[in-house]
Amino acid sequence: VAPVVAKGRPIIAHGQLKTNEYVSDNGERR
């Protein structure tokens, strides 16, 4: 992936999805 993926390039990605929950620096849950 490192030599091929770059900003603006068309990508197909396959994998496992998950949601990350966290608290921002200003205390908001995101």
PDB file of all heavy atoms in Angstrom:
ATOM      1  N   VAL A   1       0.822  -1.209   0.000  1.00  0.00           N
ATOM      2  CA  VAL A   1       0.000   0.000   0.000  1.00  0.00           C
ATOM      3  C   VAL A   1       0.862   1.267   0.000  1.00  0.00           C
ATOM      4  O   VAL A   1       0.555   2.230  -0.704  1.00  0.00           O
ATOM      5  CB  VAL A   1      -0.962  -0.002   1.210  1.00  0.00           C
ATOM      6  CG1 VAL A   1      -1.650   1.336   1.381  1.00  0.00           C
ATOM      7  CG2 VAL A   1      -1.989  -1.114   1.052  1.00  0.00           C
ATOM      8  N   ALA A   2       1.937   1.269   0.763  1.00  0.00           N
ATOM      9  CA  ALA A   2       2.741   2.490   0.947  1.00  0.00           C
ATOM     10  C   ALA A   2       3.179   3.156  -0.353  1.00  0.00           C
ATOM     11  O   ALA A   2       3.037   4.373  -0.491  1.00  0.00           O
ATOM     12  CB  ALA A   2       3.950   2.192   1.839  1.00  0.00           C
ATOM     13  N   PRO A   3       3.687   2.432  -1.345  1.00  0.00           N
ATOM     14  CA  PRO A   3       4.142   3.122  -2.552  1.00  0.00           C
ATOM     15  C   PRO A   3       3.031   3.464  -3.551  1.00  0.00           C
ATOM     16  O   PRO A   3       3.271   4.166  -4.525  1.00  0.00           O
ATOM     17  CB  PRO A   3       5.126   2.133  -3.177  1.00  0.00           C
ATOM     18  CG  PRO A   3       4.675   0.807  -2.714  1.00  0.00           C
ATOM     19  CD  PRO A   3       4.092   1.019  -1.347  1.00  0.00           C
ATOM     20  N   VAL A   4       1.817   2.986  -3.340  1.00  0.00           N
ATOM     21  CA  VAL A   4       0.754   3.128  -4.332  1.00  0.00           C
ATOM     22  C   VAL A   4      -0.306   4.147  -3.934  1.00  0.00           C
ATOM     23  O   VAL A   4      -0.745   4.947  -4.752  1.00  0.00           O
ATOM     24  CB  VAL A   4       0.089   1.749  -4.602  1.00  0.00           C
ATOM     25  CG1 VAL A   4      -1.095   1.888  -5.519  1.00  0.00           C
ATOM     26  CG2 VAL A   4       1.110   0.784  -5.182  1.00  0.00           C
ATOM     27  N   VAL A   5      -0.724   4.132  -2.686  1.00  0.00           N
ATOM     28  CA  VAL A   5      -1.800   5.024  -2.240  1.00  0.00           C
ATOM     29  C   VAL A   5      -1.239   6.418  -1.986  1.00  0.00           C
ATOM     30  O   VAL A   5      -0.200   6.574  -1.348  1.00  0.00           O
ATOM     31  CB  VAL A   5      -2.479   4.474  -0.967  1.00  0.00           C
ATOM     32  CG1 VAL A   5      -3.458   5.483  -0.393  1.00  0.00           C
ATOM     33  CG2 VAL A   5      -3.183   3.167  -1.274  1.00  0.00           C
ATOM     34  N   ALA A   6      -1.928   7.418  -2.513  1.00  0.00           N
ATOM     35  CA  ALA A   6      -1.560   8.818  -2.288  1.00  0.00           C
ATOM     36  C   ALA A   6      -2.835   9.658  -2.370  1.00  0.00           C
ATOM     37  O   ALA A   6      -3.823   9.246  -2.983  1.00  0.00           O
ATOM     38  CB  ALA A   6      -0.540   9.291  -3.322  1.00  0.00           C
ATOM     39  N   LYS A   7      -2.789  10.820  -1.775  1.00  0.00           N
ATOM     40  CA  LYS A   7      -3.932  11.735  -1.775  1.00  0.00           C
ATOM     41  C   LYS A   7      -4.402  11.970  -3.214  1.00  0.00           C
ATOM     42  O   LYS A   7      -3.605  12.242  -4.099  1.00  0.00           O
ATOM     43  CB  LYS A   7      -3.529  13.055  -1.124  1.00  0.00           C
ATOM     44  CG  LYS A   7      -4.663  14.045  -0.998  1.00  0.00           C
ATOM     45  CD  LYS A   7      -4.190  15.299  -0.289  1.00  0.00           C
ATOM     46  CE  LYS A   7      -5.319  16.301  -0.154  1.00  0.00           C
ATOM     47  NZ  LYS A   7      -4.881  17.495   0.575  1.00  0.00           N
ATOM     48  N   GLY A   8      -5.721  11.836  -3.422  1.00  0.00           N
ATOM     49  CA  GLY A   8      -6.309  12.073  -4.732  1.00  0.00           C
ATOM     50  C   GLY A   8      -6.433  10.844  -5.612  1.00  0.00           C
ATOM     51  O   GLY A   8      -7.087  10.887  -6.647  1.00  0.00           O
ATOM     52  N   ARG A   9      -5.843   9.727  -5.212  1.00  0.00           N
ATOM     53  CA  ARG A   9      -5.894   8.525  -6.036  1.00  0.00           C
ATOM     54  C   ARG A   9      -7.180   7.738  -5.791  1.00  0.00           C
ATOM     55  O   ARG A   9      -7.703   7.698  -4.682  1.00  0.00           O
ATOM     56  CB  ARG A   9      -4.689   7.635  -5.751  1.00  0.00           C
ATOM     57  CG  ARG A   9      -3.395   8.323  -6.103  1.00  0.00           C
ATOM     58  CD  ARG A   9      -2.456   7.430  -6.825  1.00  0.00           C
ATOM     59  NE  ARG A   9      -1.272   8.182  -7.194  1.00  0.00           N
ATOM     60  CZ  ARG A   9      -0.052   7.897  -6.767  1.00  0.00           C
ATOM     61  NH1 ARG A   9       0.152   6.855  -5.982  1.00  0.00           N
ATOM     62  NH2 ARG A   9       0.972   8.623  -7.150  1.00  0.00           N
ATOM     63  N   PRO A  10      -7.692   7.079  -6.848  1.00  0.00           N
ATOM     64  CA  PRO A  10      -8.904   6.250  -6.711  1.00  0.00           C
ATOM     65  C   PRO A  10      -8.571   4.937  -6.018  1.00  0.00           C
ATOM     66  O   PRO A  10      -7.665   4.223  -6.430  1.00  0.00           O
ATOM     67  CB  PRO A  10      -9.338   6.031  -8.165  1.00  0.00           C
ATOM     68  CG  PRO A  10      -8.068   6.130  -8.954  1.00  0.00           C
ATOM     69  CD  PRO A  10      -7.198   7.122  -8.226  1.00  0.00           C
ATOM     70  N   ILE A  11      -9.311   4.617  -4.962  1.00  0.00           N
ATOM     71  CA  ILE A  11      -8.984   3.483  -4.092  1.00  0.00           C
ATOM     72  C   ILE A  11     -10.164   2.524  -3.975  1.00  0.00           C
ATOM     73  O   ILE A  11     -11.311   2.952  -3.920  1.00  0.00           O
ATOM     74  CB  ILE A  11      -8.627   3.989  -2.669  1.00  0.00           C
ATOM     75  CG1 ILE A  11      -7.462   4.967  -2.708  1.00  0.00           C
ATOM     76  CG2 ILE A  11      -8.354   2.847  -1.704  1.00  0.00           C
ATOM     77  CD1 ILE A  11      -6.168   4.387  -3.189  1.00  0.00           C
ATOM     78  N   ILE A  12      -9.844   1.234  -3.894  1.00  0.00           N
ATOM     79  CA  ILE A  12     -10.803   0.213  -3.472  1.00  0.00           C
ATOM     80  C   ILE A  12     -10.202  -0.431  -2.225  1.00  0.00           C
ATOM     81  O   ILE A  12      -9.058  -0.886  -2.260  1.00  0.00           O
ATOM     82  CB  ILE A  12     -11.022  -0.864  -4.548  1.00  0.00           C
ATOM     83  CG1 ILE A  12     -11.602  -0.255  -5.824  1.00  0.00           C
ATOM     84  CG2 ILE A  12     -11.934  -1.969  -4.019  1.00  0.00           C
ATOM     85  CD1 ILE A  12     -11.761  -1.231  -6.962  1.00  0.00           C
ATOM     86  N   ALA A  13     -10.952  -0.427  -1.133  1.00  0.00           N
ATOM     87  CA  ALA A  13     -10.479  -1.015   0.119  1.00  0.00           C
ATOM     88  C   ALA A  13     -11.505  -2.023   0.629  1.00  0.00           C
ATOM     89  O   ALA A  13     -12.709  -1.772   0.585  1.00  0.00           O
ATOM     90  CB  ALA A  13     -10.243   0.074   1.164  1.00  0.00           C
ATOM     91  N   HIS A  14     -11.011  -3.164   1.099  1.00  0.00           N
ATOM     92  CA  HIS A  14     -11.884  -4.207   1.647  1.00  0.00           C
ATOM     93  C   HIS A  14     -11.360  -4.561   3.033  1.00  0.00           C
ATOM     94  O   HIS A  14     -10.154  -4.701   3.232  1.00  0.00           O
ATOM     95  CB  HIS A  14     -11.865  -5.448   0.756  1.00  0.00           C
ATOM     96  CG  HIS A  14     -12.697  -6.557   1.304  1.00  0.00           C
ATOM     97  ND1 HIS A  14     -14.066  -6.593   1.156  1.00  0.00           N
ATOM     98  CD2 HIS A  14     -12.365  -7.647   2.041  1.00  0.00           C
ATOM     99  CE1 HIS A  14     -14.534  -7.677   1.757  1.00  0.00           C
ATOM    100  NE2 HIS A  14     -13.522  -8.320   2.295  1.00  0.00           N
ATOM    101  N   GLY A  15     -12.277  -4.687   3.985  1.00  0.00           N
ATOM    102  CA  GLY A  15     -11.840  -5.053   5.318  1.00  0.00           C
ATOM    103  C   GLY A  15     -12.965  -4.998   6.325  1.00  0.00           C
ATOM    104  O   GLY A  15     -14.142  -4.888   5.979  1.00  0.00           O
ATOM    105  N   GLN A  16     -12.574  -5.060   7.582  1.00  0.00           N
ATOM    106  CA  GLN A  16     -13.514  -5.093   8.704  1.00  0.00           C
ATOM    107  C   GLN A  16     -13.785  -3.675   9.191  1.00  0.00           C
ATOM    108  O   GLN A  16     -12.866  -2.910   9.459  1.00  0.00           O
ATOM    109  CB  GLN A  16     -12.923  -5.910   9.843  1.00  0.00           C
ATOM    110  CG  GLN A  16     -13.816  -5.996  11.048  1.00  0.00           C
ATOM    111  CD  GLN A  16     -13.153  -6.758  12.184  1.00  0.00           C
ATOM    112  OE1 GLN A  16     -12.069  -7.295  12.054  1.00  0.00           O
ATOM    113  NE2 GLN A  16     -13.824  -6.794  13.313  1.00  0.00           N
ATOM    114  N   LEU A  17     -15.064  -3.321   9.291  1.00  0.00           N
ATOM    115  CA  LEU A  17     -15.465  -1.992   9.761  1.00  0.00           C
ATOM    116  C   LEU A  17     -15.734  -1.995  11.255  1.00  0.00           C
ATOM    117  O   LEU A  17     -16.244  -2.972  11.800  1.00  0.00           O
ATOM    118  CB  LEU A  17     -16.749  -1.539   9.066  1.00  0.00           C
ATOM    119  CG  LEU A  17     -16.647  -1.024   7.656  1.00  0.00           C
ATOM    120  CD1 LEU A  17     -18.036  -0.638   7.148  1.00  0.00           C
ATOM    121  CD2 LEU A  17     -15.712   0.152   7.556  1.00  0.00           C
ATOM    122  N   LYS A  18     -15.392  -0.875  11.874  1.00  0.00           N
ATOM    123  CA  LYS A  18     -15.748  -0.681  13.283  1.00  0.00           C
ATOM    124  C   LYS A  18     -15.870   0.812  13.542  1.00  0.00           C
ATOM    125  O   LYS A  18     -15.345   1.632  12.793  1.00  0.00           O
ATOM    126  CB  LYS A  18     -14.727  -1.310  14.215  1.00  0.00           C
ATOM    127  CG  LYS A  18     -13.374  -0.655  14.182  1.00  0.00           C
ATOM    128  CD  LYS A  18     -12.423  -1.295  15.163  1.00  0.00           C
ATOM    129  CE  LYS A  18     -11.067  -0.590  15.106  1.00  0.00           C
ATOM    130  NZ  LYS A  18     -10.127  -1.146  16.064  1.00  0.00           N
ATOM    131  N   THR A  19     -16.577   1.159  14.596  1.00  0.00           N
ATOM    132  CA  THR A  19     -16.729   2.545  15.006  1.00  0.00           C
ATOM    133  C   THR A  19     -15.838   2.784  16.209  1.00  0.00           C
ATOM    134  O   THR A  19     -15.857   2.022  17.179  1.00  0.00           O
ATOM    135  CB  THR A  19     -18.195   2.835  15.391  1.00  0.00           C
ATOM    136  OG1 THR A  19     -19.022   2.544  14.265  1.00  0.00           O
ATOM    137  CG2 THR A  19     -18.382   4.282  15.792  1.00  0.00           C
ATOM    138  N   ASN A  20     -15.028   3.830  16.142  1.00  0.00           N
ATOM    139  CA  ASN A  20     -14.209   4.246  17.284  1.00  0.00           C
ATOM    140  C   ASN A  20     -14.913   5.393  17.980  1.00  0.00           C
ATOM    141  O   ASN A  20     -15.239   6.392  17.343  1.00  0.00           O
ATOM    142  CB  ASN A  20     -12.824   4.724  16.821  1.00  0.00           C
ATOM    143  CG  ASN A  20     -11.980   3.595  16.305  1.00  0.00           C
ATOM    144  OD1 ASN A  20     -12.028   2.491  16.820  1.00  0.00           O
ATOM    145  ND2 ASN A  20     -11.211   3.868  15.266  1.00  0.00           N
ATOM    146  N   GLU A  21     -15.151   5.246  19.259  1.00  0.00           N
ATOM    147  CA  GLU A  21     -15.756   6.316  20.046  1.00  0.00           C
ATOM    148  C   GLU A  21     -14.699   6.900  20.961  1.00  0.00           C
ATOM    149  O   GLU A  21     -13.896   6.168  21.536  1.00  0.00           O
ATOM    150  CB  GLU A  21     -16.937   5.776  20.840  1.00  0.00           C
ATOM    151  CG  GLU A  21     -18.056   5.287  19.947  1.00  0.00           C
ATOM    152  CD  GLU A  21     -19.248   4.748  20.716  1.00  0.00           C
ATOM    153  OE1 GLU A  21     -19.185   4.674  21.957  1.00  0.00           O
ATOM    154  OE2 GLU A  21     -20.242   4.414  20.063  1.00  0.00           O
ATOM    155  N   TYR A  22     -14.702   8.234  21.068  1.00  0.00           N
ATOM    156  CA  TYR A  22     -13.698   8.901  21.889  1.00  0.00           C
ATOM    157  C   TYR A  22     -14.241  10.240  22.364  1.00  0.00           C
ATOM    158  O   TYR A  22     -15.281  10.707  21.904  1.00  0.00           O
ATOM    159  CB  TYR A  22     -12.394   9.084  21.104  1.00  0.00           C
ATOM    160  CG  TYR A  22     -12.540   9.938  19.860  1.00  0.00           C
ATOM    161  CD1 TYR A  22     -12.239  11.286  19.880  1.00  0.00           C
ATOM    162  CD2 TYR A  22     -12.983   9.374  18.654  1.00  0.00           C
ATOM    163  CE1 TYR A  22     -12.380  12.078  18.746  1.00  0.00           C
ATOM    164  CE2 TYR A  22     -13.122  10.144  17.512  1.00  0.00           C
ATOM    165  CZ  TYR A  22     -12.812  11.494  17.567  1.00  0.00           C
ATOM    166  OH  TYR A  22     -12.950  12.261  16.441  1.00  0.00           O
ATOM    167  N   VAL A  23     -13.507  10.862  23.283  1.00  0.00           N
ATOM    168  CA  VAL A  23     -13.852  12.193  23.780  1.00  0.00           C
ATOM    169  C   VAL A  23     -12.809  13.155  23.237  1.00  0.00           C
ATOM    170  O   VAL A  23     -11.612  12.936  23.396  1.00  0.00           O
ATOM    171  CB  VAL A  23     -13.883  12.224  25.328  1.00  0.00           C
ATOM    172  CG1 VAL A  23     -14.156  13.625  25.834  1.00  0.00           C
ATOM    173  CG2 VAL A  23     -14.901  11.239  25.863  1.00  0.00           C
ATOM    174  N   SER A  24     -13.264  14.217  22.564  1.00  0.00           N
ATOM    175  CA  SER A  24     -12.351  15.181  21.959  1.00  0.00           C
ATOM    176  C   SER A  24     -11.674  16.026  23.045  1.00  0.00           C
ATOM    177  O   SER A  24     -12.040  15.971  24.221  1.00  0.00           O
ATOM    178  CB  SER A  24     -13.096  16.083  20.979  1.00  0.00           C
ATOM    179  OG  SER A  24     -13.988  16.920  21.685  1.00  0.00           O
ATOM    180  N   ASP A  25     -10.705  16.823  22.614  1.00  0.00           N
ATOM    181  CA  ASP A  25      -9.980  17.691  23.547  1.00  0.00           C
ATOM    182  C   ASP A  25     -10.892  18.672  24.276  1.00  0.00           C
ATOM    183  O   ASP A  25     -10.620  19.058  25.409  1.00  0.00           O
ATOM    184  CB  ASP A  25      -8.889  18.473  22.815  1.00  0.00           C
ATOM    185  CG  ASP A  25      -7.776  17.569  22.312  1.00  0.00           C
ATOM    186  OD1 ASP A  25      -7.619  16.453  22.857  1.00  0.00           O
ATOM    187  OD2 ASP A  25      -7.065  17.976  21.370  1.00  0.00           O
ATOM    188  N   ASN A  26     -12.000  19.064  23.628  1.00  0.00           N
ATOM    189  CA  ASN A  26     -12.922  20.009  24.278  1.00  0.00           C
ATOM    190  C   ASN A  26     -14.063  19.291  25.002  1.00  0.00           C
ATOM    191  O   ASN A  26     -15.046  19.916  25.360  1.00  0.00           O
ATOM    192  CB  ASN A  26     -13.465  21.033  23.273  1.00  0.00           C
ATOM    193  CG  ASN A  26     -14.243  20.386  22.147  1.00  0.00           C
ATOM    194  OD1 ASN A  26     -14.365  19.172  22.096  1.00  0.00           O
ATOM    195  ND2 ASN A  26     -14.757  21.206  21.245  1.00  0.00           N
ATOM    196  N   GLY A  27     -13.941  17.978  25.221  1.00  0.00           N
ATOM    197  CA  GLY A  27     -14.899  17.237  26.022  1.00  0.00           C
ATOM    198  C   GLY A  27     -16.100  16.667  25.285  1.00  0.00           C
ATOM    199  O   GLY A  27     -16.972  16.066  25.901  1.00  0.00           O
ATOM    200  N   GLU A  28     -16.167  16.834  23.977  1.00  0.00           N
ATOM    201  CA  GLU A  28     -17.296  16.302  23.204  1.00  0.00           C
ATOM    202  C   GLU A  28     -17.080  14.817  22.903  1.00  0.00           C
ATOM    203  O   GLU A  28     -15.982  14.394  22.584  1.00  0.00           O
ATOM    204  CB  GLU A  28     -17.422  17.041  21.863  1.00  0.00           C
ATOM    205  CG  GLU A  28     -17.836  18.481  21.960  1.00  0.00           C
ATOM    206  CD  GLU A  28     -17.930  19.096  20.568  1.00  0.00           C
ATOM    207  OE1 GLU A  28     -18.514  18.452  19.670  1.00  0.00           O
ATOM    208  OE2 GLU A  28     -17.412  20.198  20.392  1.00  0.00           O
ATOM    209  N   ARG A  29     -18.174  14.059  23.006  1.00  0.00           N
ATOM    210  CA  ARG A  29     -18.128  12.648  22.616  1.00  0.00           C
ATOM    211  C   ARG A  29     -18.227  12.585  21.097  1.00  0.00           C
ATOM    212  O   ARG A  29     -19.095  13.207  20.496  1.00  0.00           O
ATOM    213  CB  ARG A  29     -19.255  11.850  23.247  1.00  0.00           C
ATOM    214  CG  ARG A  29     -19.117  11.701  24.752  1.00  0.00           C
ATOM    215  CD  ARG A  29     -20.202  10.830  25.357  1.00  0.00           C
ATOM    216  NE  ARG A  29     -20.428   9.567  24.670  1.00  0.00           N
ATOM    217  CZ  ARG A  29     -19.734   8.437  24.869  1.00  0.00           C
ATOM    218  NH1 ARG A  29     -18.747   8.441  25.740  1.00  0.00           N
ATOM    219  NH2 ARG A  29     -20.027   7.337  24.220  1.00  0.00           N
ATOM    220  N   ARG A  30     -17.306  11.854  20.475  1.00  0.00           N
ATOM    221  CA  ARG A  30     -17.283  11.738  19.018  1.00  0.00           C
ATOM    222  C   ARG A  30     -17.075  10.285  18.628  1.00  0.00           C
ATOM    223  O   ARG A  30     -16.705   9.454  19.443  1.00  0.00           O
ATOM    224  CB  ARG A  30     -16.158  12.579  18.419  1.00  0.00           C
ATOM    225  CG  ARG A  30     -16.363  14.049  18.625  1.00  0.00           C
ATOM    226  CD  ARG A  30     -15.396  14.827  17.819  1.00  0.00           C
ATOM    227  NE  ARG A  30     -15.663  16.251  17.955  1.00  0.00           N
ATOM    228  CZ  ARG A  30     -15.059  17.158  17.254  1.00  0.00           C
ATOM    229  NH1 ARG A  30     -14.151  16.822  16.378  1.00  0.00           N
ATOM    230  NH2 ARG A  30     -15.356  18.419  17.428  1.00  0.00           N
TER     231      ARG A  30
END
